Amino acid sequence: MVDSSSKNNIADLIVDLDGTLIATDLLWESMFQLLKQNVLYLFVLPFWAIKGKGYLKHRISLLVNIDPTILPYRTDFIDFLRSERARGRRLILATGAAKRFADAIAEYLGIFDFVHATDAKRNLTSTNKTNFLLETYGDVKFAYAGNSRADIPVFNAASEVIVVAPDRAAARWQRKHASRLFQSPKLHWKSILKMLRVHQWMKNTLIFVPAILDHEIMNWQVLFSALIAFCAFSSAASAIYIINDLLDLPLDRKHARKKHRVFASGVFSIPFGIVVSGGLLGIAVLLSLQLPWAFSAVLALYVVATSAYSLSLKRMLLIDVFTLAGLYTLRILAGSAANEIEGSFWLLAFSSFFFISLALVKRYVELQSVAHSANDRIAGRGYRPADKEIIAQCGVAAAFAAALVLALYVDSDAVVSLYAYPWLIWPLCPIVLYLNIRIWILAYRGEMHDDPVVFLISDWRSLIMIGVGAVLLLYGGMRL
């Protein structure tokens, strides 16, 4: 039995970790990090789980490292713990997380006198934790801080309870017993939009391009099919963005802007993200069934490609850039498949060069923002700061190649057959160059958003040029 006497006869305060001390769950985080290392562990996890949840947590902890310096701590609660320690109270960390993780966090914070955690033989949660604490502390009173349904048995055994950012069950218990409460930040509808990355849906407007260029966009059946395709792609994209965020939690927390994302900062739980992602994929499948089978095939390829990108391709030199450009091109192919419009060689060639240029901008900006020596690879990527110049050269060359393909298209027989005044399409060439080269100049100055597509849809100068190009394409040159 542990000697639980403390200064001034204040009852020891036993603190839970997952959801209480930190706004995340280390089991879920470590599982995603393990799958990111090797997705084949997905087939091993069930065998570890059969041997018990404690064994599962223990085995994962041996293969995954966590950085305690970047976790989303509940700072107001930690400030309270420091004040309690200053007045003589002993603090004890008792958690269902793996012992290796709990020890690392306790050492980093430096405020806990003891650490009790899950090992290979015991999962220290719920009734297991309650029984352990009663056996360890006997009849001595102790205070307990927790946050979830699993903590309720411990709440009932403790002499004093502190409820931190509670789930529904813990919140009901807290209201009934009027215990001390540390509330979680109030959720805002903007958090939902950020989780879904709604602003990224603008990329899916590429689905409408084949119908526009085929002069069929005013046909309501064609427009309706394109809208269904847009919604299906947007649902699938948001689902994959969520999974990507869950895989990139450690990297995002080290990034100046991405650390504020809803999962990296702990606004939403990982299980919630998994449920939402699964629901969005279900919606995408149901919508795709309303369209030709070719569209479903393209959508499936998009999901596979984005998943592969999140798991490994994003870390491969140049492969990541070509994959990003290919994902944009897939959106155009999806628009063709949704309305069974024959694909255009010119459109695919133009989009390939144009989006390769934008993808290279994205990598250039990332390299510009890191503070490493010239030959050190940046975290999660296959690039080094020394690669900046060659990336910029390739990106600008791709921009001019896109404009060249467009110029050749304008002078082709295809334009003569579709437009009464082909010469009105010529200004699209300098417009495309203006958009792309301006992006590169701003990137070189360090004034570019880390996602050039987001920049294009939010920069008023770019929007004006895009609007002018659309007017020339849809009205000035269209045969009425």
Protein backbone atom coordinates (compact mmCIF):
# COMPACT_ATOMS: atom_id res chain seq x y z
CA MET A 1 0.00 0.00 0.00
CA VAL A 2 1.33 3.44 -0.94
CA ASP A 3 1.94 5.98 1.76
CA SER A 4 -0.56 8.63 0.71
CA SER A 5 0.07 11.17 3.44
CA SER A 6 0.87 14.61 2.10
CA LYS A 7 1.75 18.01 3.46
CA ASN A 8 -0.96 19.81 5.43
CA ASN A 9 -3.05 16.60 5.38
CA ILE A 10 -4.43 17.47 1.95
CA ALA A 11 -5.82 14.46 0.09
CA ASP A 12 -3.69 13.31 -2.81
CA LEU A 13 -5.04 14.35 -6.21
CA ILE A 14 -5.08 11.51 -8.72
CA VAL A 15 -5.23 12.72 -12.33
CA ASP A 16 -6.38 10.93 -15.47
CA LEU A 17 -4.42 11.53 -18.68
CA ASP A 18 -6.40 10.96 -21.90
CA GLY A 19 -9.06 13.62 -22.30
CA THR A 20 -8.28 15.14 -18.91
CA LEU A 21 -4.67 16.28 -18.83
CA ILE A 22 -4.47 16.30 -22.64
CA ALA A 23 -7.19 16.90 -25.22
CA THR A 24 -6.59 13.67 -27.09
CA ASP A 25 -6.41 9.88 -26.68
CA LEU A 26 -2.96 8.34 -26.91
CA LEU A 27 -4.22 4.89 -27.92
CA TRP A 28 -5.91 6.28 -31.04
CA GLU A 29 -2.98 8.58 -31.79
CA SER A 30 -0.42 5.82 -31.47
CA MET A 31 -2.49 3.46 -33.64
CA PHE A 32 -2.59 6.00 -36.46
CA GLN A 33 1.14 6.61 -36.13
CA LEU A 34 1.75 2.86 -36.27
CA LEU A 35 -0.37 2.52 -39.42
CA LYS A 36 1.49 5.44 -40.96
CA GLN A 37 4.74 3.56 -40.38
CA ASN A 38 3.33 0.45 -42.03
CA VAL A 39 -0.31 0.01 -43.00
CA LEU A 40 0.08 -3.78 -42.77
CA TYR A 41 -0.07 -3.45 -38.98
CA LEU A 42 -3.80 -3.13 -39.57
CA PHE A 43 -3.89 -6.94 -39.82
CA VAL A 44 -1.79 -7.39 -36.68
CA LEU A 45 -3.76 -5.13 -34.33
CA PRO A 46 -6.74 -7.52 -33.94
CA PHE A 47 -4.44 -10.31 -32.73
CA TRP A 48 -2.93 -8.00 -30.12
CA ALA A 49 -6.41 -6.85 -29.07
CA ILE A 50 -7.51 -10.47 -28.50
CA LYS A 51 -4.87 -10.69 -25.77
CA GLY A 52 -6.39 -7.71 -23.99
CA LYS A 53 -6.48 -3.96 -24.34
CA GLY A 54 -3.54 -3.56 -22.00
CA TYR A 55 -1.42 -5.82 -24.19
CA LEU A 56 -2.53 -3.89 -27.29
CA LYS A 57 -1.50 -0.56 -25.77
CA HIS A 58 1.78 -1.98 -24.52
CA ARG A 59 2.80 -3.46 -27.90
CA ILE A 60 1.93 -0.27 -29.79
CA SER A 61 3.91 1.83 -27.29
CA LEU A 62 7.02 -0.23 -28.03
CA LEU A 63 6.82 0.68 -31.72
CA VAL A 64 5.68 4.30 -31.60
CA ASN A 65 7.26 7.36 -30.03
CA ILE A 66 5.31 10.37 -28.81
CA ASP A 67 6.68 13.85 -28.32
CA PRO A 68 5.30 15.12 -24.99
CA THR A 69 6.33 18.69 -25.80
CA ILE A 70 3.73 19.12 -28.56
CA LEU A 71 0.64 17.39 -27.14
CA PRO A 72 -2.54 19.49 -26.73
CA TYR A 73 -2.49 20.02 -22.96
CA ARG A 74 -5.41 21.54 -21.09
CA THR A 75 -3.43 24.54 -19.89
CA ASP A 76 -6.03 25.94 -17.48
CA PHE A 77 -6.23 22.60 -15.67
CA ILE A 78 -2.44 22.23 -15.58
CA ASP A 79 -2.18 25.72 -14.07
CA PHE A 80 -4.59 24.54 -11.37
CA LEU A 81 -2.46 21.43 -10.76
CA ARG A 82 0.66 23.54 -10.36
CA SER A 83 -1.09 25.75 -7.82
CA GLU A 84 -2.26 22.66 -5.90
CA ARG A 85 1.26 21.29 -5.85
CA ALA A 86 2.57 24.65 -4.64
CA ARG A 87 0.28 24.47 -1.60
CA GLY A 88 1.56 21.05 -0.66
CA ARG A 89 -0.72 18.59 -2.44
CA ARG A 90 0.76 15.46 -3.95
CA LEU A 91 -0.18 14.81 -7.56
CA ILE A 92 -0.44 11.28 -8.97
CA LEU A 93 -0.93 10.39 -12.62
CA ALA A 94 -3.14 7.30 -13.00
CA THR A 95 -4.00 6.54 -16.59
CA GLY A 96 -5.17 3.91 -19.02
CA ALA A 97 -2.46 5.03 -21.43
CA ALA A 98 0.64 2.86 -21.89
CA LYS A 99 3.22 3.29 -19.15
CA ARG A 100 5.94 4.34 -21.58
CA PHE A 101 3.82 7.26 -22.76
CA ALA A 102 2.67 8.21 -19.25
CA ASP A 103 6.24 8.27 -17.91
CA ALA A 104 7.38 10.52 -20.78
CA ILE A 105 4.57 13.02 -20.14
CA ALA A 106 5.10 13.00 -16.38
CA GLU A 107 8.82 13.64 -16.83
CA TYR A 108 8.11 16.52 -19.22
CA LEU A 109 5.59 18.24 -16.93
CA GLY A 110 7.55 17.59 -13.75
CA ILE A 111 4.57 17.92 -11.40
CA PHE A 112 3.68 14.32 -10.54
CA ASP A 113 4.97 12.37 -7.54
CA PHE A 114 3.87 8.94 -8.80
CA VAL A 115 2.76 7.42 -12.09
CA HIS A 116 0.39 4.47 -12.45
CA ALA A 117 -0.36 3.33 -16.01
CA THR A 118 -1.40 0.45 -18.22
CA ASP A 119 1.06 -2.38 -18.78
CA ALA A 120 0.95 -5.61 -20.79
CA LYS A 121 -1.12 -7.39 -18.11
CA ARG A 122 -3.47 -4.67 -16.86
CA ASN A 123 -5.56 -1.99 -18.58
CA LEU A 124 -5.84 0.72 -15.93
CA THR A 125 -9.29 2.12 -16.77
CA SER A 126 -12.81 2.13 -15.29
CA THR A 127 -13.36 -0.57 -12.64
CA ASN A 128 -9.77 -1.81 -13.02
CA LYS A 129 -8.51 1.64 -12.08
CA THR A 130 -11.02 1.93 -9.24
CA ASN A 131 -10.00 -1.41 -7.72
CA PHE A 132 -6.31 -0.61 -8.13
CA LEU A 133 -6.65 2.76 -6.40
CA LEU A 134 -8.67 1.29 -3.53
CA GLU A 135 -6.12 -1.49 -3.09
CA THR A 136 -3.22 0.97 -3.27
CA TYR A 137 -4.60 3.73 -1.06
CA GLY A 138 -6.86 1.65 1.19
CA ASP A 139 -9.18 3.74 3.33
CA VAL A 140 -7.22 6.95 2.80
CA LYS A 141 -9.27 9.59 1.04
CA PHE A 142 -8.13 10.76 -2.36
CA ALA A 143 -9.32 13.29 -4.91
CA TYR A 144 -9.71 12.35 -8.56
CA ALA A 145 -9.80 14.31 -11.82
CA GLY A 146 -11.29 12.65 -14.90
CA ASN A 147 -13.43 13.34 -17.92
CA SER A 148 -15.35 10.34 -19.26
CA ARG A 149 -17.88 7.59 -18.66
CA ALA A 150 -14.98 5.25 -17.84
CA ASP A 151 -14.04 7.52 -14.91
CA ILE A 152 -17.45 7.36 -13.20
CA PRO A 153 -16.58 4.29 -11.05
CA VAL A 154 -13.55 6.23 -9.77
CA PHE A 155 -15.69 9.32 -9.19
CA ASN A 156 -17.94 7.26 -6.94
CA ALA A 157 -14.97 5.99 -4.92
CA ALA A 158 -13.20 9.35 -4.51
CA SER A 159 -13.72 11.79 -1.67
CA GLU A 160 -13.39 14.76 -3.99
CA VAL A 161 -14.02 14.89 -7.74
CA ILE A 162 -12.85 17.30 -10.41
CA VAL A 163 -14.47 16.87 -13.81
CA VAL A 164 -12.46 18.17 -16.77
CA ALA A 165 -13.91 18.68 -20.29
CA PRO A 166 -16.51 15.95 -19.68
CA ASP A 167 -18.27 13.72 -22.18
CA ARG A 168 -22.07 13.40 -21.87
CA ALA A 169 -22.02 10.71 -19.17
CA ALA A 170 -19.44 12.53 -17.05
CA ALA A 171 -21.30 15.83 -17.53
CA ARG A 172 -24.53 14.25 -16.21
CA TRP A 173 -22.62 12.88 -13.21
CA GLN A 174 -21.09 16.30 -12.55
CA ARG A 175 -24.44 18.10 -12.65
CA LYS A 176 -25.98 15.54 -10.28
CA HIS A 177 -23.15 15.75 -7.74
CA ALA A 178 -22.21 19.42 -8.25
CA SER A 179 -18.49 18.68 -8.33
CA ARG A 180 -15.82 21.08 -9.53
CA LEU A 181 -15.82 21.53 -13.30
CA PHE A 182 -13.26 22.61 -15.87
CA GLN A 183 -15.28 23.10 -19.04
CA SER A 184 -13.99 22.37 -22.50
CA PRO A 185 -13.96 25.25 -25.02
CA LYS A 186 -17.34 25.76 -26.66
CA LEU A 187 -17.62 24.31 -30.13
CA HIS A 188 -18.37 26.63 -33.02
CA TRP A 189 -19.85 25.80 -36.40
CA LYS A 190 -16.63 27.12 -37.96
CA SER A 191 -14.82 24.17 -36.36
CA ILE A 192 -17.00 21.80 -38.39
CA LEU A 193 -16.19 23.69 -41.59
CA LYS A 194 -12.49 23.59 -40.76
CA MET A 195 -12.65 19.85 -40.12
CA LEU A 196 -14.34 19.27 -43.49
CA ARG A 197 -11.97 21.73 -45.24
CA VAL A 198 -14.95 23.23 -47.07
CA HIS A 199 -12.72 25.82 -48.72
CA GLN A 200 -10.92 22.94 -50.46
CA TRP A 201 -14.15 21.97 -52.22
CA MET A 202 -13.40 24.74 -54.70
CA LYS A 203 -10.90 22.35 -56.26
CA ASN A 204 -13.81 20.08 -57.17
CA THR A 205 -15.30 22.75 -59.45
CA LEU A 206 -12.91 21.24 -62.02
CA ILE A 207 -15.64 18.62 -62.44
CA PHE A 208 -17.71 21.22 -64.31
CA VAL A 209 -14.92 22.05 -66.79
CA PRO A 210 -15.64 19.28 -69.35
CA ALA A 211 -19.32 20.26 -69.55
CA ILE A 212 -18.41 23.94 -69.89
CA LEU A 213 -15.90 23.32 -72.67
CA ASP A 214 -18.36 21.00 -74.41
CA HIS A 215 -20.95 23.81 -74.28
CA GLU A 216 -23.42 21.54 -72.44
CA ILE A 217 -23.39 23.21 -69.03
CA MET A 218 -26.77 24.89 -69.67
CA ASN A 219 -28.38 21.49 -70.22
CA TRP A 220 -30.09 20.90 -66.87
CA GLN A 221 -29.53 17.15 -66.95
CA VAL A 222 -25.82 17.64 -67.56
CA LEU A 223 -25.65 20.30 -64.86
CA PHE A 224 -27.52 18.09 -62.36
CA SER A 225 -25.16 15.16 -62.97
CA ALA A 226 -22.17 17.45 -62.55
CA LEU A 227 -23.61 18.73 -59.26
CA ILE A 228 -24.03 15.15 -57.98
CA ALA A 229 -20.45 14.41 -59.00
CA PHE A 230 -19.26 17.58 -57.23
CA CYS A 231 -21.02 16.58 -54.00
CA ALA A 232 -19.66 13.02 -54.20
CA PHE A 233 -16.09 14.23 -54.70
CA SER A 234 -16.44 16.84 -51.94
CA SER A 235 -17.69 14.20 -49.48
CA ALA A 236 -14.86 11.82 -50.40
CA ALA A 237 -12.28 14.61 -50.23
CA SER A 238 -13.40 15.71 -46.76
CA ALA A 239 -13.32 12.10 -45.55
CA ILE A 240 -9.73 11.69 -46.72
CA TYR A 241 -8.71 15.09 -45.34
CA ILE A 242 -9.87 13.92 -41.90
CA ILE A 243 -7.89 10.68 -42.13
CA ASN A 244 -4.88 12.64 -43.38
CA ASP A 245 -5.13 14.98 -40.39
CA LEU A 246 -5.26 12.01 -38.01
CA LEU A 247 -2.15 10.51 -39.61
CA ASP A 248 -0.29 13.82 -39.50
CA LEU A 249 -1.02 14.88 -35.91
CA PRO A 250 2.63 15.09 -34.75
CA LEU A 251 3.74 16.93 -37.90
CA ASP A 252 0.80 19.35 -37.77
CA ARG A 253 1.54 20.24 -34.14
CA LYS A 254 5.03 21.33 -35.14
CA HIS A 255 3.69 23.57 -37.92
CA ALA A 256 3.01 27.24 -37.18
CA ARG A 257 -0.43 27.21 -38.83
CA LYS A 258 -1.47 23.55 -38.93
CA LYS A 259 -1.13 23.17 -35.15
CA HIS A 260 -4.49 24.95 -34.88
CA ARG A 261 -6.32 22.29 -36.90
CA VAL A 262 -9.24 20.76 -35.02
CA PHE A 263 -7.65 17.36 -34.38
CA ALA A 264 -4.11 18.57 -33.74
CA SER A 265 -5.40 21.05 -31.15
CA GLY A 266 -7.84 18.56 -29.61
CA VAL A 267 -11.06 20.39 -30.52
CA PHE A 268 -12.52 17.12 -31.84
CA SER A 269 -11.71 13.60 -30.69
CA ILE A 270 -10.14 11.01 -32.96
CA PRO A 271 -13.12 8.59 -32.72
CA PHE A 272 -15.42 11.43 -33.77
CA GLY A 273 -13.23 12.06 -36.79
CA ILE A 274 -13.31 8.38 -37.75
CA VAL A 275 -17.12 8.28 -37.56
CA VAL A 276 -17.50 11.45 -39.63
CA SER A 277 -15.00 10.21 -42.21
CA GLY A 278 -16.85 6.90 -42.57
CA GLY A 279 -20.18 8.70 -42.94
CA LEU A 280 -18.80 10.99 -45.64
CA LEU A 281 -17.42 8.04 -47.60
CA GLY A 282 -20.85 6.39 -47.37
CA ILE A 283 -22.47 9.54 -48.78
CA ALA A 284 -19.92 9.62 -51.61
CA VAL A 285 -20.69 6.00 -52.51
CA LEU A 286 -24.47 6.57 -52.52
CA LEU A 287 -24.12 9.63 -54.73
CA SER A 288 -21.78 7.89 -57.15
CA LEU A 289 -24.35 5.13 -57.69
CA GLN A 290 -26.59 7.73 -59.34
CA LEU A 291 -24.02 8.28 -62.09
CA PRO A 292 -22.41 6.10 -64.80
CA TRP A 293 -20.12 3.34 -63.55
CA ALA A 294 -17.10 5.12 -65.03
CA PHE A 295 -17.56 7.93 -62.52
CA SER A 296 -17.56 5.44 -59.62
CA ALA A 297 -14.31 3.99 -60.98
CA VAL A 298 -12.68 7.44 -61.11
CA LEU A 299 -13.94 8.26 -57.60
CA ALA A 300 -12.57 4.95 -56.28
CA LEU A 301 -9.22 5.69 -57.92
CA TYR A 302 -9.23 9.13 -56.30
CA VAL A 303 -9.86 7.66 -52.84
CA VAL A 304 -7.10 5.07 -53.30
CA ALA A 305 -4.64 7.66 -54.64
CA THR A 306 -5.32 10.18 -51.86
CA SER A 307 -5.05 7.45 -49.22
CA ALA A 308 -1.72 6.30 -50.69
CA TYR A 309 -0.58 9.92 -50.75
CA SER A 310 -1.45 10.36 -47.07
CA LEU A 311 0.23 7.11 -46.02
CA SER A 312 3.45 7.23 -48.01
CA LEU A 313 3.57 9.06 -51.36
CA LYS A 314 3.76 12.51 -49.75
CA ARG A 315 7.18 11.58 -48.39
CA MET A 316 8.61 10.61 -51.81
CA LEU A 317 10.68 13.09 -53.82
CA LEU A 318 8.72 14.36 -56.89
CA ILE A 319 6.27 11.44 -56.68
CA ASP A 320 4.24 13.59 -54.29
CA VAL A 321 4.13 16.46 -56.80
CA PHE A 322 3.00 14.29 -59.69
CA THR A 323 0.40 12.65 -57.44
CA LEU A 324 -1.04 16.03 -56.43
CA ALA A 325 -1.21 17.12 -60.07
CA GLY A 326 -2.79 13.78 -60.98
CA LEU A 327 -5.49 14.25 -58.34
CA TYR A 328 -6.51 17.53 -59.98
CA THR A 329 -6.61 15.83 -63.36
CA LEU A 330 -8.77 13.05 -61.89
CA ARG A 331 -11.38 15.67 -61.06
CA ILE A 332 -11.55 16.65 -64.71
CA LEU A 333 -11.83 13.00 -65.74
CA ALA A 334 -14.62 12.60 -63.19
CA GLY A 335 -16.50 15.47 -64.82
CA SER A 336 -16.19 13.76 -68.19
CA ALA A 337 -17.30 10.41 -66.75
CA ALA A 338 -20.31 11.88 -64.93
CA ASN A 339 -21.85 13.03 -68.23
CA GLU A 340 -20.11 10.57 -70.55
CA ILE A 341 -18.29 13.42 -72.31
CA GLU A 342 -15.35 12.34 -74.40
CA GLY A 343 -12.06 13.33 -72.78
CA SER A 344 -9.95 16.04 -74.40
CA PHE A 345 -6.23 15.53 -74.95
CA TRP A 346 -5.71 19.29 -74.87
CA LEU A 347 -7.49 19.72 -71.55
CA LEU A 348 -5.59 16.88 -69.88
CA ALA A 349 -2.24 18.13 -71.19
CA PHE A 350 -2.92 21.68 -70.05
CA SER A 351 -4.16 20.64 -66.60
CA SER A 352 -1.17 18.35 -66.06
CA PHE A 353 1.39 21.13 -66.58
CA PHE A 354 -0.68 23.78 -64.80
CA PHE A 355 -1.22 21.71 -61.66
CA ILE A 356 2.35 20.40 -61.59
CA SER A 357 3.38 24.05 -61.37
CA LEU A 358 0.98 24.68 -58.46
CA ALA A 359 2.10 21.52 -56.66
CA LEU A 360 5.72 22.66 -56.95
CA VAL A 361 4.72 26.04 -55.49
CA LYS A 362 3.30 24.19 -52.48
CA ARG A 363 6.60 22.38 -51.90
CA TYR A 364 8.63 25.54 -52.51
CA VAL A 365 6.69 27.43 -49.83
CA GLU A 366 7.16 24.56 -47.37
CA LEU A 367 10.91 24.56 -47.96
CA GLN A 368 11.01 28.31 -47.55
CA SER A 369 9.34 28.14 -44.13
CA VAL A 370 11.65 25.56 -42.50
CA ALA A 371 14.79 26.43 -40.58
CA HIS A 372 17.08 23.52 -41.40
CA SER A 373 20.56 23.30 -42.81
CA ALA A 374 20.71 22.99 -46.57
CA ASN A 375 21.12 19.21 -46.59
CA ASP A 376 18.62 18.22 -43.88
CA ARG A 377 15.36 16.65 -45.06
CA ILE A 378 12.26 18.42 -43.80
CA ALA A 379 9.93 16.40 -41.61
CA GLY A 380 7.49 14.22 -43.51
CA ARG A 381 8.83 15.16 -46.95
CA GLY A 382 11.50 13.98 -49.35
CA TYR A 383 13.00 17.44 -49.87
CA ARG A 384 15.86 19.50 -48.49
CA PRO A 385 16.14 23.31 -48.33
CA ALA A 386 18.88 23.07 -50.95
CA ASP A 387 16.23 21.86 -53.44
CA LYS A 388 14.41 25.21 -53.51
CA GLU A 389 16.05 26.61 -56.61
CA ILE A 390 15.55 23.57 -58.82
CA ILE A 391 11.94 23.27 -57.65
CA ALA A 392 11.33 26.91 -58.59
CA GLN A 393 12.92 26.40 -62.02
CA CYS A 394 10.78 23.32 -62.71
CA GLY A 395 7.63 25.08 -61.47
CA VAL A 396 8.09 28.14 -63.71
CA ALA A 397 8.91 25.89 -66.67
CA ALA A 398 5.69 23.92 -66.06
CA ALA A 399 3.75 27.21 -65.98
CA PHE A 400 5.06 28.20 -69.41
CA ALA A 401 4.41 24.68 -70.73
CA ALA A 402 0.77 25.01 -69.66
CA ALA A 403 0.47 28.32 -71.51
CA LEU A 404 2.13 26.78 -74.59
CA VAL A 405 -0.34 23.87 -74.63
CA LEU A 406 -3.18 26.38 -74.36
CA ALA A 407 -1.78 28.44 -77.26
CA LEU A 408 -1.49 25.33 -79.45
CA TYR A 409 -5.07 24.41 -78.56
CA VAL A 410 -6.37 27.86 -79.48
CA ASP A 411 -4.75 27.48 -82.91
CA SER A 412 -6.13 23.95 -83.43
CA ASP A 413 -9.06 22.78 -85.55
CA ALA A 414 -10.96 21.87 -82.36
CA VAL A 415 -11.36 25.55 -81.44
CA VAL A 416 -12.48 26.49 -84.95
CA SER A 417 -15.27 23.92 -84.77
CA LEU A 418 -16.48 25.08 -81.33
CA TYR A 419 -16.08 28.86 -81.46
CA ALA A 420 -17.25 31.48 -83.90
CA TYR A 421 -14.45 33.87 -82.91
CA PRO A 422 -11.38 31.85 -81.91
CA TRP A 423 -9.29 35.01 -81.60
CA LEU A 424 -11.29 35.94 -78.50
CA ILE A 425 -9.83 32.86 -76.77
CA TRP A 426 -6.23 34.00 -77.27
CA PRO A 427 -6.18 36.28 -74.16
CA LEU A 428 -6.52 33.13 -72.04
CA CYS A 429 -2.82 32.44 -72.68
CA PRO A 430 -1.46 35.63 -71.02
CA ILE A 431 -4.11 35.27 -68.29
CA VAL A 432 -2.85 31.80 -67.41
CA LEU A 433 0.74 33.05 -67.42
CA TYR A 434 -0.20 36.02 -65.24
CA LEU A 435 -1.86 33.78 -62.64
CA ASN A 436 0.98 31.29 -62.50
CA ILE A 437 3.96 33.63 -62.69
CA ARG A 438 2.45 36.00 -60.10
CA ILE A 439 2.09 33.07 -57.72
CA TRP A 440 5.75 32.22 -58.21
CA ILE A 441 6.89 35.80 -57.67
CA LEU A 442 4.90 36.04 -54.43
CA ALA A 443 6.26 32.66 -53.34
CA TYR A 444 9.81 33.88 -54.01
CA ARG A 445 9.07 36.96 -51.86
CA GLY A 446 7.74 34.77 -49.04
CA GLU A 447 4.22 36.20 -49.42
CA MET A 448 2.45 33.08 -50.70
CA HIS A 449 -0.15 30.99 -48.81
CA ASP A 450 1.06 27.43 -48.34
CA ASP A 451 -1.79 26.23 -50.58
CA PRO A 452 -1.74 28.10 -53.93
CA VAL A 453 -5.26 26.92 -54.82
CA VAL A 454 -6.60 28.56 -51.66
CA PHE A 455 -4.68 31.67 -52.65
CA LEU A 456 -6.25 31.72 -56.12
CA ILE A 457 -9.80 31.61 -54.75
CA SER A 458 -9.16 34.28 -52.11
CA ASP A 459 -6.97 36.79 -53.98
CA TRP A 460 -9.07 39.51 -55.63
CA ARG A 461 -6.61 40.11 -58.47
CA SER A 462 -6.59 36.43 -59.38
CA LEU A 463 -10.37 36.26 -59.18
CA ILE A 464 -10.69 39.22 -61.58
CA MET A 465 -8.41 37.54 -64.11
CA ILE A 466 -10.27 34.24 -63.76
CA GLY A 467 -13.56 36.10 -64.26
CA VAL A 468 -12.29 37.80 -67.39
CA GLY A 469 -11.12 34.46 -68.76
CA ALA A 470 -14.48 32.88 -68.01
CA VAL A 471 -16.34 35.66 -69.82
CA LEU A 472 -14.12 35.28 -72.88
CA LEU A 473 -14.52 31.51 -72.87
CA LEU A 474 -18.24 31.27 -72.19
CA TYR A 475 -19.60 34.26 -74.03
CA GLY A 476 -17.07 36.03 -76.23
CA GLY A 477 -16.04 32.97 -78.20
CA MET A 478 -19.00 30.61 -77.87
CA ARG A 479 -20.96 29.89 -81.00
CA LEU A 480 -24.56 30.91 -80.22
